[in-house]
Amino acid sequence: MASKKEFKKDVNFLTNEILMRGMIHLEFFGEENRADIFAIINDAVAARNDYIQRINQRQTNKSKKEVRIHFRAIYDDLLQSTHSLLERIDQLDIPIK
């Protein structure tokens, strides 16, 4: 891991991608599934806040290996939740006739 600052930028970038995907969905498909999209956006923002809080936790009195494991767990959770939120948005797509 390069730094906490870069990690936070990655978290913000991925959260922004989810938010933009939700806004694009609203633009293309209108009011249909509006409540579901906003629920997904709220989940993304809550997850972002959780990841930033976990990144900012002090890692004093821990070995390098324990710190590395801590940040690897955050990274894995971030990728899994981003993938799951994007899948939820994709499932809401309406086929165009």
PDB file of N, CA and C in Angstrom:
ATOM      1  N   MET A   1       0.843  -1.169   0.000  1.00  0.00           N
ATOM      2  CA  MET A   1       0.000   0.000   0.000  1.00  0.00           C
ATOM      3  C   MET A   1       0.893   1.238   0.000  1.00  0.00           C
ATOM      4  N   ALA A   2       0.565   2.166  -0.855  1.00  0.00           N
ATOM      5  CA  ALA A   2       1.391   3.361  -0.988  1.00  0.00           C
ATOM      6  C   ALA A   2       1.254   4.280   0.227  1.00  0.00           C
ATOM      7  N   SER A   3       0.044   4.724   0.503  1.00  0.00           N
ATOM      8  CA  SER A   3      -0.176   5.595   1.651  1.00  0.00           C
ATOM      9  C   SER A   3      -1.661   5.645   1.975  1.00  0.00           C
ATOM     10  N   LYS A   4      -1.949   6.127   3.163  1.00  0.00           N
ATOM     11  CA  LYS A   4      -3.349   6.276   3.555  1.00  0.00           C
ATOM     12  C   LYS A   4      -4.047   7.278   2.642  1.00  0.00           C
ATOM     13  N   LYS A   5      -3.323   8.325   2.280  1.00  0.00           N
ATOM     14  CA  LYS A   5      -3.887   9.364   1.421  1.00  0.00           C
ATOM     15  C   LYS A   5      -4.324   8.779   0.078  1.00  0.00           C
ATOM     16  N   GLU A   6      -3.476   7.965  -0.527  1.00  0.00           N
ATOM     17  CA  GLU A   6      -3.805   7.347  -1.811  1.00  0.00           C
ATOM     18  C   GLU A   6      -4.951   6.349  -1.663  1.00  0.00           C
ATOM     19  N   PHE A   7      -4.967   5.628  -0.560  1.00  0.00           N
ATOM     20  CA  PHE A   7      -6.030   4.657  -0.301  1.00  0.00           C
ATOM     21  C   PHE A   7      -7.372   5.379  -0.193  1.00  0.00           C
ATOM     22  N   LYS A   8      -7.385   6.517   0.516  1.00  0.00           N
ATOM     23  CA  LYS A   8      -8.613   7.302   0.639  1.00  0.00           C
ATOM     24  C   LYS A   8      -9.067   7.822  -0.724  1.00  0.00           C
ATOM     25  N   LYS A   9      -8.125   8.200  -1.568  1.00  0.00           N
ATOM     26  CA  LYS A   9      -8.480   8.644  -2.916  1.00  0.00           C
ATOM     27  C   LYS A   9      -9.133   7.513  -3.704  1.00  0.00           C
ATOM     28  N   ASP A  10      -8.626   6.302  -3.541  1.00  0.00           N
ATOM     29  CA  ASP A  10      -9.231   5.151  -4.211  1.00  0.00           C
ATOM     30  C   ASP A  10     -10.655   4.910  -3.716  1.00  0.00           C
ATOM     31  N   VAL A  11     -10.846   5.019  -2.407  1.00  0.00           N
ATOM     32  CA  VAL A  11     -12.187   4.846  -1.828  1.00  0.00           C
ATOM     33  C   VAL A  11     -13.134   5.894  -2.404  1.00  0.00           C
ATOM     34  N   ASN A  12     -12.690   7.133  -2.430  1.00  0.00           N
ATOM     35  CA  ASN A  12     -13.530   8.207  -2.959  1.00  0.00           C
ATOM     36  C   ASN A  12     -13.810   8.026  -4.450  1.00  0.00           C
ATOM     37  N   PHE A  13     -12.822   7.580  -5.209  1.00  0.00           N
ATOM     38  CA  PHE A  13     -13.016   7.359  -6.640  1.00  0.00           C
ATOM     39  C   PHE A  13     -14.066   6.271  -6.885  1.00  0.00           C
ATOM     40  N   LEU A  14     -13.948   5.153  -6.191  1.00  0.00           N
ATOM     41  CA  LEU A  14     -14.898   4.060  -6.393  1.00  0.00           C
ATOM     42  C   LEU A  14     -16.304   4.450  -5.935  1.00  0.00           C
ATOM     43  N   THR A  15     -16.388   5.199  -4.846  1.00  0.00           N
ATOM     44  CA  THR A  15     -17.697   5.679  -4.391  1.00  0.00           C
ATOM     45  C   THR A  15     -18.297   6.621  -5.428  1.00  0.00           C
ATOM     46  N   ASN A  16     -17.480   7.488  -5.980  1.00  0.00           N
ATOM     47  CA  ASN A  16     -17.944   8.410  -7.013  1.00  0.00           C
ATOM     48  C   ASN A  16     -18.444   7.653  -8.247  1.00  0.00           C
ATOM     49  N   GLU A  17     -17.777   6.572  -8.605  1.00  0.00           N
ATOM     50  CA  GLU A  17     -18.217   5.770  -9.743  1.00  0.00           C
ATOM     51  C   GLU A  17     -19.616   5.198  -9.505  1.00  0.00           C
ATOM     52  N   ILE A  18     -19.868   4.743  -8.288  1.00  0.00           N
ATOM     53  CA  ILE A  18     -21.190   4.207  -7.950  1.00  0.00           C
ATOM     54  C   ILE A  18     -22.240   5.320  -8.015  1.00  0.00           C
ATOM     55  N   LEU A  19     -21.899   6.483  -7.453  1.00  0.00           N
ATOM     56  CA  LEU A  19     -22.827   7.605  -7.476  1.00  0.00           C
ATOM     57  C   LEU A  19     -23.138   8.033  -8.907  1.00  0.00           C
ATOM     58  N   MET A  20     -22.125   8.125  -9.741  1.00  0.00           N
ATOM     59  CA  MET A  20     -22.332   8.525 -11.131  1.00  0.00           C
ATOM     60  C   MET A  20     -23.161   7.485 -11.886  1.00  0.00           C
ATOM     61  N   ARG A  21     -22.889   6.219 -11.637  1.00  0.00           N
ATOM     62  CA  ARG A  21     -23.667   5.159 -12.284  1.00  0.00           C
ATOM     63  C   ARG A  21     -25.128   5.252 -11.893  1.00  0.00           C
ATOM     64  N   GLY A  22     -25.398   5.565 -10.625  1.00  0.00           N
ATOM     65  CA  GLY A  22     -26.769   5.741 -10.163  1.00  0.00           C
ATOM     66  C   GLY A  22     -27.432   6.943 -10.811  1.00  0.00           C
ATOM     67  N   MET A  23     -26.710   8.053 -10.920  1.00  0.00           N
ATOM     68  CA  MET A  23     -27.270   9.249 -11.555  1.00  0.00           C
ATOM     69  C   MET A  23     -27.530   9.024 -13.042  1.00  0.00           C
ATOM     70  N   ILE A  24     -26.629   8.321 -13.701  1.00  0.00           N
ATOM     71  CA  ILE A  24     -26.832   8.004 -15.114  1.00  0.00           C
ATOM     72  C   ILE A  24     -28.061   7.125 -15.269  1.00  0.00           C
ATOM     73  N   HIS A  25     -28.229   6.164 -14.375  1.00  0.00           N
ATOM     74  CA  HIS A  25     -29.407   5.297 -14.427  1.00  0.00           C
ATOM     75  C   HIS A  25     -30.675   6.126 -14.281  1.00  0.00           C
ATOM     76  N   LEU A  26     -30.678   7.063 -13.356  1.00  0.00           N
ATOM     77  CA  LEU A  26     -31.842   7.924 -13.171  1.00  0.00           C
ATOM     78  C   LEU A  26     -32.115   8.768 -14.415  1.00  0.00           C
ATOM     79  N   GLU A  27     -31.060   9.245 -15.041  1.00  0.00           N
ATOM     80  CA  GLU A  27     -31.212  10.076 -16.241  1.00  0.00           C
ATOM     81  C   GLU A  27     -31.805   9.285 -17.406  1.00  0.00           C
ATOM     82  N   PHE A  28     -31.326   8.064 -17.596  1.00  0.00           N
ATOM     83  CA  PHE A  28     -31.787   7.269 -18.732  1.00  0.00           C
ATOM     84  C   PHE A  28     -33.136   6.607 -18.500  1.00  0.00           C
ATOM     85  N   PHE A  29     -33.376   6.160 -17.278  1.00  0.00           N
ATOM     86  CA  PHE A  29     -34.595   5.396 -17.020  1.00  0.00           C
ATOM     87  C   PHE A  29     -35.647   6.177 -16.246  1.00  0.00           C
ATOM     88  N   GLY A  30     -35.370   7.421 -15.926  1.00  0.00           N
ATOM     89  CA  GLY A  30     -36.371   8.278 -15.298  1.00  0.00           C
ATOM     90  C   GLY A  30     -36.727   7.872 -13.885  1.00  0.00           C
ATOM     91  N   GLU A  31     -37.984   8.011 -13.575  1.00  0.00           N
ATOM     92  CA  GLU A  31     -38.460   7.817 -12.205  1.00  0.00           C
ATOM     93  C   GLU A  31     -38.575   6.354 -11.795  1.00  0.00           C
ATOM     94  N   GLU A  32     -38.526   5.463 -12.756  1.00  0.00           N
ATOM     95  CA  GLU A  32     -38.650   4.046 -12.429  1.00  0.00           C
ATOM     96  C   GLU A  32     -37.433   3.605 -11.609  1.00  0.00           C
ATOM     97  N   ASN A  33     -37.676   2.898 -10.522  1.00  0.00           N
ATOM     98  CA  ASN A  33     -36.627   2.402  -9.616  1.00  0.00           C
ATOM     99  C   ASN A  33     -35.892   3.514  -8.877  1.00  0.00           C
ATOM    100  N   ARG A  34     -36.487   4.691  -8.800  1.00  0.00           N
ATOM    101  CA  ARG A  34     -35.845   5.832  -8.150  1.00  0.00           C
ATOM    102  C   ARG A  34     -35.494   5.523  -6.689  1.00  0.00           C
ATOM    103  N   ALA A  35     -36.423   4.935  -5.957  1.00  0.00           N
ATOM    104  CA  ALA A  35     -36.181   4.629  -4.539  1.00  0.00           C
ATOM    105  C   ALA A  35     -35.046   3.617  -4.387  1.00  0.00           C
ATOM    106  N   ASP A  36     -34.985   2.634  -5.286  1.00  0.00           N
ATOM    107  CA  ASP A  36     -33.912   1.634  -5.229  1.00  0.00           C
ATOM    108  C   ASP A  36     -32.553   2.272  -5.494  1.00  0.00           C
ATOM    109  N   ILE A  37     -32.497   3.168  -6.463  1.00  0.00           N
ATOM    110  CA  ILE A  37     -31.229   3.838  -6.779  1.00  0.00           C
ATOM    111  C   ILE A  37     -30.758   4.665  -5.589  1.00  0.00           C
ATOM    112  N   PHE A  38     -31.676   5.407  -4.971  1.00  0.00           N
ATOM    113  CA  PHE A  38     -31.270   6.213  -3.820  1.00  0.00           C
ATOM    114  C   PHE A  38     -30.860   5.341  -2.637  1.00  0.00           C
ATOM    115  N   ALA A  39     -31.464   4.175  -2.483  1.00  0.00           N
ATOM    116  CA  ALA A  39     -31.043   3.253  -1.431  1.00  0.00           C
ATOM    117  C   ALA A  39     -29.620   2.759  -1.696  1.00  0.00           C
ATOM    118  N   ILE A  40     -29.318   2.463  -2.951  1.00  0.00           N
ATOM    119  CA  ILE A  40     -27.967   2.019  -3.319  1.00  0.00           C
ATOM    120  C   ILE A  40     -26.958   3.144  -3.079  1.00  0.00           C
ATOM    121  N   ILE A  41     -27.324   4.362  -3.455  1.00  0.00           N
ATOM    122  CA  ILE A  41     -26.437   5.512  -3.241  1.00  0.00           C
ATOM    123  C   ILE A  41     -26.190   5.721  -1.749  1.00  0.00           C
ATOM    124  N   ASN A  42     -27.228   5.605  -0.939  1.00  0.00           N
ATOM    125  CA  ASN A  42     -27.057   5.753   0.513  1.00  0.00           C
ATOM    126  C   ASN A  42     -26.151   4.660   1.070  1.00  0.00           C
ATOM    127  N   ASP A  43     -26.295   3.428   0.554  1.00  0.00           N
ATOM    128  CA  ASP A  43     -25.419   2.340   0.983  1.00  0.00           C
ATOM    129  C   ASP A  43     -23.968   2.630   0.606  1.00  0.00           C
ATOM    130  N   ALA A  44     -23.751   3.187  -0.583  1.00  0.00           N
ATOM    131  CA  ALA A  44     -22.399   3.504  -1.040  1.00  0.00           C
ATOM    132  C   ALA A  44     -21.762   4.573  -0.155  1.00  0.00           C
ATOM    133  N   VAL A  45     -22.528   5.594   0.197  1.00  0.00           N
ATOM    134  CA  VAL A  45     -21.996   6.666   1.041  1.00  0.00           C
ATOM    135  C   VAL A  45     -21.704   6.141   2.453  1.00  0.00           C
ATOM    136  N   ALA A  46     -22.588   5.303   2.978  1.00  0.00           N
ATOM    137  CA  ALA A  46     -22.352   4.728   4.305  1.00  0.00           C
ATOM    138  C   ALA A  46     -21.105   3.837   4.291  1.00  0.00           C
ATOM    139  N   ALA A  47     -20.936   3.053   3.232  1.00  0.00           N
ATOM    140  CA  ALA A  47     -19.751   2.200   3.113  1.00  0.00           C
ATOM    141  C   ALA A  47     -18.488   3.054   3.014  1.00  0.00           C
ATOM    142  N   ARG A  48     -18.551   4.138   2.233  1.00  0.00           N
ATOM    143  CA  ARG A  48     -17.406   5.033   2.082  1.00  0.00           C
ATOM    144  C   ARG A  48     -16.993   5.581   3.444  1.00  0.00           C
ATOM    145  N   ASN A  49     -17.967   6.044   4.224  1.00  0.00           N
ATOM    146  CA  ASN A  49     -17.659   6.592   5.550  1.00  0.00           C
ATOM    147  C   ASN A  49     -17.033   5.530   6.445  1.00  0.00           C
ATOM    148  N   ASP A  50     -17.523   4.297   6.354  1.00  0.00           N
ATOM    149  CA  ASP A  50     -16.964   3.204   7.142  1.00  0.00           C
ATOM    150  C   ASP A  50     -15.514   2.923   6.736  1.00  0.00           C
ATOM    151  N   TYR A  51     -15.240   2.891   5.435  1.00  0.00           N
ATOM    152  CA  TYR A  51     -13.873   2.613   4.974  1.00  0.00           C
ATOM    153  C   TYR A  51     -12.908   3.714   5.391  1.00  0.00           C
ATOM    154  N   ILE A  52     -13.324   4.963   5.262  1.00  0.00           N
ATOM    155  CA  ILE A  52     -12.458   6.074   5.668  1.00  0.00           C
ATOM    156  C   ILE A  52     -12.171   5.990   7.169  1.00  0.00           C
ATOM    157  N   GLN A  53     -13.187   5.661   7.949  1.00  0.00           N
ATOM    158  CA  GLN A  53     -13.006   5.526   9.401  1.00  0.00           C
ATOM    159  C   GLN A  53     -12.040   4.385   9.712  1.00  0.00           C
ATOM    160  N   ARG A  54     -12.180   3.263   8.994  1.00  0.00           N
ATOM    161  CA  ARG A  54     -11.284   2.119   9.222  1.00  0.00           C
ATOM    162  C   ARG A  54      -9.852   2.439   8.796  1.00  0.00           C
ATOM    163  N   ILE A  55      -9.700   3.205   7.720  1.00  0.00           N
ATOM    164  CA  ILE A  55      -8.361   3.592   7.274  1.00  0.00           C
ATOM    165  C   ILE A  55      -7.701   4.501   8.308  1.00  0.00           C
ATOM    166  N   ASN A  56      -8.475   5.381   8.910  1.00  0.00           N
ATOM    167  CA  ASN A  56      -7.941   6.350   9.870  1.00  0.00           C
ATOM    168  C   ASN A  56      -7.657   5.763  11.250  1.00  0.00           C
ATOM    169  N   GLN A  57      -8.066   4.534  11.506  1.00  0.00           N
ATOM    170  CA  GLN A  57      -7.803   3.926  12.808  1.00  0.00           C
ATOM    171  C   GLN A  57      -6.299   3.865  13.066  1.00  0.00           C
ATOM    172  N   ARG A  58      -5.930   4.195  14.268  1.00  0.00           N
ATOM    173  CA  ARG A  58      -4.514   4.126  14.648  1.00  0.00           C
ATOM    174  C   ARG A  58      -4.077   2.669  14.728  1.00  0.00           C
ATOM    175  N   GLN A  59      -2.914   2.401  14.209  1.00  0.00           N
ATOM    176  CA  GLN A  59      -2.366   1.046  14.212  1.00  0.00           C
ATOM    177  C   GLN A  59      -1.118   0.987  15.089  1.00  0.00           C
ATOM    178  N   THR A  60      -1.218   1.563  16.280  1.00  0.00           N
ATOM    179  CA  THR A  60      -0.079   1.555  17.186  1.00  0.00           C
ATOM    180  C   THR A  60       0.041   0.188  17.855  1.00  0.00           C
ATOM    181  N   ASN A  61       1.233  -0.138  18.246  1.00  0.00           N
ATOM    182  CA  ASN A  61       1.535  -1.404  18.924  1.00  0.00           C
ATOM    183  C   ASN A  61       1.195  -2.621  18.070  1.00  0.00           C
ATOM    184  N   LYS A  62       1.235  -2.475  16.782  1.00  0.00           N
ATOM    185  CA  LYS A  62       0.985  -3.609  15.889  1.00  0.00           C
ATOM    186  C   LYS A  62       2.188  -3.777  14.974  1.00  0.00           C
ATOM    187  N   SER A  63       2.443  -5.013  14.628  1.00  0.00           N
ATOM    188  CA  SER A  63       3.560  -5.282  13.733  1.00  0.00           C
ATOM    189  C   SER A  63       3.201  -4.882  12.310  1.00  0.00           C
ATOM    190  N   LYS A  64       4.212  -4.824  11.466  1.00  0.00           N
ATOM    191  CA  LYS A  64       3.975  -4.491  10.061  1.00  0.00           C
ATOM    192  C   LYS A  64       3.028  -5.492   9.411  1.00  0.00           C
ATOM    193  N   LYS A  65       3.179  -6.733   9.774  1.00  0.00           N
ATOM    194  CA  LYS A  65       2.336  -7.773   9.198  1.00  0.00           C
ATOM    195  C   LYS A  65       0.869  -7.563   9.592  1.00  0.00           C
ATOM    196  N   GLU A  66       0.631  -7.233  10.847  1.00  0.00           N
ATOM    197  CA  GLU A  66      -0.741  -6.995  11.303  1.00  0.00           C
ATOM    198  C   GLU A  66      -1.347  -5.770  10.626  1.00  0.00           C
ATOM    199  N   VAL A  67      -0.545  -4.742  10.440  1.00  0.00           N
ATOM    200  CA  VAL A  67      -1.025  -3.542   9.746  1.00  0.00           C
ATOM    201  C   VAL A  67      -1.354  -3.877   8.294  1.00  0.00           C
ATOM    202  N   ARG A  68      -0.489  -4.643   7.658  1.00  0.00           N
ATOM    203  CA  ARG A  68      -0.712  -5.045   6.268  1.00  0.00           C
ATOM    204  C   ARG A  68      -1.992  -5.875   6.147  1.00  0.00           C
ATOM    205  N   ILE A  69      -2.222  -6.774   7.080  1.00  0.00           N
ATOM    206  CA  ILE A  69      -3.437  -7.596   7.077  1.00  0.00           C
ATOM    207  C   ILE A  69      -4.675  -6.709   7.257  1.00  0.00           C
ATOM    208  N   HIS A  70      -4.569  -5.727   8.152  1.00  0.00           N
ATOM    209  CA  HIS A  70      -5.679  -4.794   8.390  1.00  0.00           C
ATOM    210  C   HIS A  70      -6.056  -4.061   7.104  1.00  0.00           C
ATOM    211  N   PHE A  71      -5.072  -3.501   6.408  1.00  0.00           N
ATOM    212  CA  PHE A  71      -5.356  -2.746   5.199  1.00  0.00           C
ATOM    213  C   PHE A  71      -5.772  -3.648   4.037  1.00  0.00           C
ATOM    214  N   ARG A  72      -5.260  -4.862   3.975  1.00  0.00           N
ATOM    215  CA  ARG A  72      -5.675  -5.808   2.949  1.00  0.00           C
ATOM    216  C   ARG A  72      -7.146  -6.170   3.132  1.00  0.00           C
ATOM    217  N   ALA A  73      -7.573  -6.323   4.382  1.00  0.00           N
ATOM    218  CA  ALA A  73      -8.982  -6.625   4.654  1.00  0.00           C
ATOM    219  C   ALA A  73      -9.882  -5.472   4.215  1.00  0.00           C
ATOM    220  N   ILE A  74      -9.458  -4.242   4.487  1.00  0.00           N
ATOM    221  CA  ILE A  74     -10.236  -3.081   4.042  1.00  0.00           C
ATOM    222  C   ILE A  74     -10.317  -3.061   2.521  1.00  0.00           C
ATOM    223  N   TYR A  75      -9.191  -3.283   1.863  1.00  0.00           N
ATOM    224  CA  TYR A  75      -9.140  -3.271   0.397  1.00  0.00           C
ATOM    225  C   TYR A  75     -10.048  -4.345  -0.194  1.00  0.00           C
ATOM    226  N   ASP A  76      -9.983  -5.544   0.351  1.00  0.00           N
ATOM    227  CA  ASP A  76     -10.840  -6.634  -0.142  1.00  0.00           C
ATOM    228  C   ASP A  76     -12.320  -6.320   0.070  1.00  0.00           C
ATOM    229  N   ASP A  77     -12.666  -5.772   1.238  1.00  0.00           N
ATOM    230  CA  ASP A  77     -14.053  -5.377   1.502  1.00  0.00           C
ATOM    231  C   ASP A  77     -14.507  -4.290   0.534  1.00  0.00           C
ATOM    232  N   LEU A  78     -13.622  -3.343   0.256  1.00  0.00           N
ATOM    233  CA  LEU A  78     -13.938  -2.252  -0.664  1.00  0.00           C
ATOM    234  C   LEU A  78     -14.270  -2.784  -2.052  1.00  0.00           C
ATOM    235  N   LEU A  79     -13.435  -3.663  -2.564  1.00  0.00           N
ATOM    236  CA  LEU A  79     -13.678  -4.207  -3.901  1.00  0.00           C
ATOM    237  C   LEU A  79     -14.948  -5.045  -3.947  1.00  0.00           C
ATOM    238  N   GLN A  80     -15.180  -5.840  -2.905  1.00  0.00           N
ATOM    239  CA  GLN A  80     -16.373  -6.690  -2.873  1.00  0.00           C
ATOM    240  C   GLN A  80     -17.640  -5.851  -2.799  1.00  0.00           C
ATOM    241  N   SER A  81     -17.652  -4.835  -1.941  1.00  0.00           N
ATOM    242  CA  SER A  81     -18.860  -4.020  -1.805  1.00  0.00           C
ATOM    243  C   SER A  81     -19.103  -3.165  -3.048  1.00  0.00           C
ATOM    244  N   THR A  82     -18.040  -2.668  -3.666  1.00  0.00           N
ATOM    245  CA  THR A  82     -18.199  -1.898  -4.900  1.00  0.00           C
ATOM    246  C   THR A  82     -18.802  -2.773  -5.980  1.00  0.00           C
ATOM    247  N   HIS A  83     -18.292  -3.977  -6.111  1.00  0.00           N
ATOM    248  CA  HIS A  83     -18.814  -4.908  -7.107  1.00  0.00           C
ATOM    249  C   HIS A  83     -20.280  -5.221  -6.836  1.00  0.00           C
ATOM    250  N   SER A  84     -20.622  -5.460  -5.591  1.00  0.00           N
ATOM    251  CA  SER A  84     -22.005  -5.807  -5.255  1.00  0.00           C
ATOM    252  C   SER A  84     -22.953  -4.626  -5.490  1.00  0.00           C
ATOM    253  N   LEU A  85     -22.527  -3.406  -5.161  1.00  0.00           N
ATOM    254  CA  LEU A  85     -23.381  -2.235  -5.403  1.00  0.00           C
ATOM    255  C   LEU A  85     -23.577  -1.982  -6.894  1.00  0.00           C
ATOM    256  N   LEU A  86     -22.521  -2.156  -7.674  1.00  0.00           N
ATOM    257  CA  LEU A  86     -22.658  -1.983  -9.126  1.00  0.00           C
ATOM    258  C   LEU A  86     -23.558  -3.056  -9.728  1.00  0.00           C
ATOM    259  N   GLU A  87     -23.484  -4.265  -9.208  1.00  0.00           N
ATOM    260  CA  GLU A  87     -24.385  -5.325  -9.672  1.00  0.00           C
ATOM    261  C   GLU A  87     -25.832  -4.992  -9.352  1.00  0.00           C
ATOM    262  N   ARG A  88     -26.066  -4.426  -8.165  1.00  0.00           N
ATOM    263  CA  ARG A  88     -27.434  -4.035  -7.802  1.00  0.00           C
ATOM    264  C   ARG A  88     -27.984  -2.991  -8.767  1.00  0.00           C
ATOM    265  N   ILE A  89     -27.139  -2.046  -9.175  1.00  0.00           N
ATOM    266  CA  ILE A  89     -27.583  -1.051 -10.154  1.00  0.00           C
ATOM    267  C   ILE A  89     -27.855  -1.706 -11.497  1.00  0.00           C
ATOM    268  N   ASP A  90     -26.960  -2.605 -11.915  1.00  0.00           N
ATOM    269  CA  ASP A  90     -27.133  -3.284 -13.211  1.00  0.00           C
ATOM    270  C   ASP A  90     -28.395  -4.118 -13.245  1.00  0.00           C
ATOM    271  N   GLN A  91     -28.783  -4.691 -12.128  1.00  0.00           N
ATOM    272  CA  GLN A  91     -30.007  -5.509 -12.085  1.00  0.00           C
ATOM    273  C   GLN A  91     -31.251  -4.660 -12.259  1.00  0.00           C
ATOM    274  N   LEU A  92     -31.149  -3.371 -12.018  1.00  0.00           N
ATOM    275  CA  LEU A  92     -32.296  -2.479 -12.157  1.00  0.00           C
ATOM    276  C   LEU A  92     -32.501  -2.000 -13.601  1.00  0.00           C
ATOM    277  N   ASP A  93     -31.517  -2.280 -14.458  1.00  0.00           N
ATOM    278  CA  ASP A  93     -31.650  -1.843 -15.853  1.00  0.00           C
ATOM    279  C   ASP A  93     -32.912  -2.380 -16.483  1.00  0.00           C
ATOM    280  N   ILE A  94     -33.550  -1.542 -17.238  1.00  0.00           N
ATOM    281  CA  ILE A  94     -34.811  -1.901 -17.900  1.00  0.00           C
ATOM    282  C   ILE A  94     -34.512  -2.143 -19.370  1.00  0.00           C
ATOM    283  N   PRO A  95     -34.912  -3.306 -19.904  1.00  0.00           N
ATOM    284  CA  PRO A  95     -34.652  -3.541 -21.318  1.00  0.00           C
ATOM    285  C   PRO A  95     -35.400  -2.528 -22.174  1.00  0.00           C
ATOM    286  N   ILE A  96     -34.726  -2.000 -23.158  1.00  0.00           N
ATOM    287  CA  ILE A  96     -35.314  -1.040 -24.086  1.00  0.00           C
ATOM    288  C   ILE A  96     -35.883  -1.808 -25.265  1.00  0.00           C
ATOM    289  N   LYS A  97     -37.126  -1.518 -25.598  1.00  0.00           N
ATOM    290  CA  LYS A  97     -37.793  -2.233 -26.687  1.00  0.00           C
ATOM    291  C   LYS A  97     -37.537  -1.591 -28.019  1.00  0.00           C
TER     292      LYS A  97
END
